[in-house]
Amino acid sequence: MFSLNQRCNLAPSTGKPDMETKDEVLRIIDLLNDTYESEEAWYGPSVVEALRDVTPKMAEKRLSTNTHSIAEIVYHMTTWRIFAVRKIQGDAEFDIKTQDKDWKKFPVVDEFEWEAIQMELSLSQEELISELEKIESDMFLEDFVPGRDYSYYTLIHGVIQHDIYHAGQVGLIKKALKSMPADEDDYGAYDDHGDFSGDNDFY
């Protein structure tokens, strides 16, 4: 989990950006990658791990009328990654103004659509990392996000926290779905997935 500090021999962050370095930006990139795809996150499964065994049928299922499906959650995560990318690019006008743009409904999800939804998330992660890698100084993190009253530091850490929250949410939905009477082809055999044992505190 601390691979970046180990690779680069960086001192612990002081929380104060240095105009001459981008050490904090590199730490943030490492955290983003950890929460997205690491197999060693302390809080539980990363986003990629949480989605690994989700079938199209599981992705479309809502546990109740006032909850979101896994497909909707992934679309929502992608939407806010794109928001972060556009703001880092300096786009003051870009916004997520409608509920449909934030929480698109997916009444039916087939295999092709589920793959496309996950691919869009993956591409948005790559684009966000690419934009962060272009930043030349930690001082950028103190700048205010165009059209918002918070800094880039707050925005990017918000994406990290957003990932952790929704990865846990996906885990809870999967656990609930796997406990429901259903065909094995729909939700998978509960006993075949060690990640969902009662010993895991993070679901």
Protein backbone atom coordinates (compact mmCIF):
# COMPACT_ATOMS: atom_id res chain seq x y z
CA MET A 1 0.00 0.00 0.00
CA PHE A 2 2.96 2.27 0.56
CA SER A 3 4.68 1.33 -2.68
CA LEU A 4 5.21 4.88 -3.94
CA ASN A 5 7.04 6.02 -0.82
CA GLN A 6 9.15 2.87 -0.92
CA ARG A 7 9.98 3.26 -4.63
CA CYS A 8 10.86 6.94 -4.43
CA ASN A 9 12.14 7.11 -0.84
CA LEU A 10 9.87 10.07 -0.18
CA ALA A 11 9.56 11.72 3.20
CA PRO A 12 6.11 11.72 4.81
CA SER A 13 3.81 14.43 3.48
CA THR A 14 3.72 17.67 5.47
CA GLY A 15 0.41 18.67 3.92
CA LYS A 16 2.04 21.81 2.47
CA PRO A 17 2.64 21.74 -1.29
CA ASP A 18 6.17 22.60 -2.40
CA MET A 19 6.42 24.83 -5.47
CA GLU A 20 9.58 23.04 -6.57
CA THR A 21 8.31 19.45 -6.39
CA LYS A 22 5.36 17.27 -7.30
CA ASP A 23 5.84 14.69 -4.55
CA GLU A 24 2.30 15.17 -3.24
CA VAL A 25 0.85 14.75 -6.72
CA LEU A 26 2.74 11.47 -7.04
CA ARG A 27 1.39 10.28 -3.70
CA ILE A 28 -2.14 11.12 -4.81
CA ILE A 29 -1.64 9.19 -8.06
CA ASP A 30 -0.47 6.21 -6.02
CA LEU A 31 -3.53 6.43 -3.76
CA LEU A 32 -5.85 6.67 -6.76
CA ASN A 33 -4.30 3.57 -8.28
CA ASP A 34 -4.48 1.72 -4.96
CA THR A 35 -8.16 2.44 -4.38
CA TYR A 36 -8.96 1.61 -7.99
CA GLU A 37 -7.08 -1.65 -8.51
CA SER A 38 -4.79 -2.61 -5.62
CA GLU A 39 -5.04 -6.06 -4.05
CA GLU A 40 -3.57 -4.80 -0.77
CA ALA A 41 -5.86 -1.96 0.32
CA TRP A 42 -6.37 -1.98 4.08
CA TYR A 43 -10.05 -1.07 3.99
CA GLY A 44 -11.05 -4.01 1.76
CA PRO A 45 -11.45 -4.71 -1.96
CA SER A 46 -10.48 -2.04 -4.48
CA VAL A 47 -12.94 -0.98 -7.19
CA VAL A 48 -11.58 -3.52 -9.69
CA GLU A 49 -11.64 -6.31 -7.09
CA ALA A 50 -15.20 -5.45 -6.07
CA LEU A 51 -16.40 -5.63 -9.68
CA ARG A 52 -14.39 -8.68 -10.71
CA ASP A 53 -17.11 -11.33 -10.36
CA VAL A 54 -20.17 -9.16 -11.04
CA THR A 55 -22.34 -10.65 -13.79
CA PRO A 56 -24.62 -8.57 -16.06
CA LYS A 57 -27.63 -9.91 -14.16
CA MET A 58 -26.12 -8.82 -10.85
CA ALA A 59 -25.19 -5.44 -12.32
CA GLU A 60 -28.77 -4.60 -13.31
CA LYS A 61 -30.42 -5.75 -10.08
CA ARG A 62 -31.79 -3.21 -7.59
CA LEU A 63 -32.30 -4.42 -4.04
CA SER A 64 -35.29 -2.06 -3.69
CA THR A 65 -36.98 0.72 -5.64
CA ASN A 66 -35.05 3.44 -3.80
CA THR A 67 -31.56 1.95 -4.19
CA HIS A 68 -29.10 1.94 -7.08
CA SER A 69 -27.88 -1.04 -9.06
CA ILE A 70 -24.20 -1.86 -9.47
CA ALA A 71 -24.37 -0.71 -13.11
CA GLU A 72 -25.75 2.65 -11.99
CA ILE A 73 -23.06 2.99 -9.33
CA VAL A 74 -20.27 2.32 -11.83
CA TYR A 75 -21.75 4.85 -14.27
CA HIS A 76 -21.93 7.37 -11.40
CA MET A 77 -18.26 6.77 -10.51
CA THR A 78 -17.27 7.30 -14.15
CA THR A 79 -19.28 10.53 -14.31
CA TRP A 80 -17.39 12.07 -11.42
CA ARG A 81 -14.02 10.94 -12.77
CA ILE A 82 -14.87 12.73 -16.00
CA PHE A 83 -15.87 15.77 -13.94
CA ALA A 84 -12.45 15.74 -12.23
CA VAL A 85 -10.66 15.39 -15.57
CA ARG A 86 -12.52 18.31 -17.13
CA LYS A 87 -11.85 20.51 -14.12
CA ILE A 88 -8.14 19.67 -14.09
CA GLN A 89 -8.16 20.67 -17.75
CA GLY A 90 -9.52 24.06 -16.66
CA ASP A 91 -13.10 23.74 -17.93
CA ALA A 92 -15.13 26.13 -15.76
CA GLU A 93 -18.37 25.51 -17.66
CA PHE A 94 -18.50 21.72 -17.40
CA ASP A 95 -20.97 20.49 -14.82
CA ILE A 96 -23.23 17.58 -13.97
CA LYS A 97 -26.54 19.40 -13.95
CA THR A 98 -29.13 16.69 -14.34
CA GLN A 99 -29.94 13.58 -12.33
CA ASP A 100 -29.80 11.45 -15.48
CA LYS A 101 -26.21 12.50 -16.17
CA ASP A 102 -25.23 11.51 -12.63
CA TRP A 103 -27.43 8.46 -12.04
CA LYS A 104 -28.39 6.94 -15.37
CA LYS A 105 -30.90 4.10 -15.15
CA PHE A 106 -30.11 0.67 -16.60
CA PRO A 107 -33.34 -1.40 -16.46
CA VAL A 108 -31.72 -4.24 -18.40
CA VAL A 109 -27.98 -4.93 -18.64
CA ASP A 110 -26.67 -7.48 -21.12
CA GLU A 111 -23.10 -8.72 -21.35
CA PHE A 112 -22.11 -6.20 -24.04
CA GLU A 113 -23.48 -3.22 -22.09
CA TRP A 114 -21.90 -4.35 -18.82
CA GLU A 115 -18.51 -4.64 -20.51
CA ALA A 116 -18.99 -1.16 -22.01
CA ILE A 117 -19.91 0.36 -18.63
CA GLN A 118 -16.78 -1.11 -17.02
CA MET A 119 -14.60 -0.06 -19.95
CA GLU A 120 -15.79 3.54 -19.63
CA LEU A 121 -14.79 3.49 -15.96
CA SER A 122 -11.37 2.07 -16.84
CA LEU A 123 -10.80 4.69 -19.54
CA SER A 124 -11.84 7.51 -17.20
CA GLN A 125 -9.32 6.23 -14.63
CA GLU A 126 -6.56 6.23 -17.25
CA GLU A 127 -7.49 9.75 -18.35
CA LEU A 128 -7.53 11.05 -14.78
CA ILE A 129 -4.10 9.58 -14.04
CA SER A 130 -2.79 11.00 -17.33
CA GLU A 131 -3.98 14.50 -16.42
CA LEU A 132 -2.44 14.27 -12.95
CA GLU A 133 0.88 13.15 -14.41
CA LYS A 134 0.97 16.37 -16.46
CA ILE A 135 0.91 18.52 -13.31
CA GLU A 136 4.34 20.07 -12.79
CA SER A 137 4.11 21.31 -9.21
CA ASP A 138 2.31 20.51 -5.97
CA MET A 139 1.22 24.16 -5.87
CA PHE A 140 -1.44 23.27 -8.45
CA LEU A 141 -3.27 21.37 -5.72
CA GLU A 142 -3.92 24.62 -3.82
CA ASP A 143 -5.67 26.25 -6.79
CA PHE A 144 -9.45 26.41 -6.73
CA VAL A 145 -11.42 24.18 -9.08
CA PRO A 146 -13.01 26.29 -11.85
CA GLY A 147 -16.62 27.00 -10.93
CA ARG A 148 -16.29 25.54 -7.43
CA ASP A 149 -15.32 26.81 -3.97
CA TYR A 150 -12.83 24.03 -3.16
CA SER A 151 -9.29 23.16 -4.23
CA TYR A 152 -7.97 20.51 -6.59
CA TYR A 153 -6.53 18.76 -3.54
CA THR A 154 -10.05 18.43 -2.13
CA LEU A 155 -11.48 17.34 -5.48
CA ILE A 156 -8.95 14.58 -6.11
CA HIS A 157 -9.08 13.24 -2.57
CA GLY A 158 -12.85 13.33 -2.96
CA VAL A 159 -12.55 10.93 -5.90
CA ILE A 160 -10.44 8.59 -3.76
CA GLN A 161 -12.96 8.67 -0.91
CA HIS A 162 -15.78 8.23 -3.43
CA ASP A 163 -14.11 5.05 -4.73
CA ILE A 164 -13.76 3.58 -1.25
CA TYR A 165 -17.39 4.28 -0.41
CA HIS A 166 -18.81 2.81 -3.61
CA ALA A 167 -16.48 -0.21 -3.65
CA GLY A 168 -17.90 -1.06 -0.22
CA GLN A 169 -21.42 -0.43 -1.49
CA VAL A 170 -20.86 -2.83 -4.39
CA GLY A 171 -19.61 -5.43 -1.93
CA LEU A 172 -22.75 -5.10 0.18
CA ILE A 173 -25.00 -5.42 -2.87
CA LYS A 174 -23.12 -8.52 -4.03
CA LYS A 175 -23.41 -10.11 -0.61
CA ALA A 176 -27.15 -9.42 -0.53
CA LEU A 177 -27.67 -10.77 -4.06
CA LYS A 178 -25.72 -13.93 -3.34
CA SER A 179 -27.89 -14.62 -0.31
CA MET A 180 -31.08 -14.46 -2.38
CA PRO A 181 -32.67 -17.55 -3.91
CA ALA A 182 -31.60 -17.40 -7.55
CA ASP A 183 -30.21 -19.45 -10.36
CA GLU A 184 -26.48 -19.98 -10.05
CA ASP A 185 -26.08 -18.56 -13.56
CA ASP A 186 -27.54 -15.26 -12.37
CA TYR A 187 -25.58 -14.57 -9.19
CA GLY A 188 -22.98 -17.31 -8.87
CA ALA A 189 -22.61 -19.90 -6.16
CA TYR A 190 -22.25 -18.09 -2.84
CA ASP A 191 -19.94 -20.70 -1.35
CA ASP A 192 -17.50 -20.41 -4.24
CA HIS A 193 -16.45 -16.86 -3.37
CA GLY A 194 -14.24 -16.57 -0.31
CA ASP A 195 -14.49 -12.77 -0.41
CA PHE A 196 -18.01 -13.05 0.96
CA SER A 197 -17.32 -15.12 4.06
CA GLY A 198 -18.70 -13.95 7.38
CA ASP A 199 -15.16 -13.15 8.55
CA ASN A 200 -14.88 -10.10 6.31
CA ASP A 201 -15.74 -6.97 8.29
CA PHE A 202 -15.69 -4.59 5.35
CA TYR A 203 -18.93 -5.70 3.65
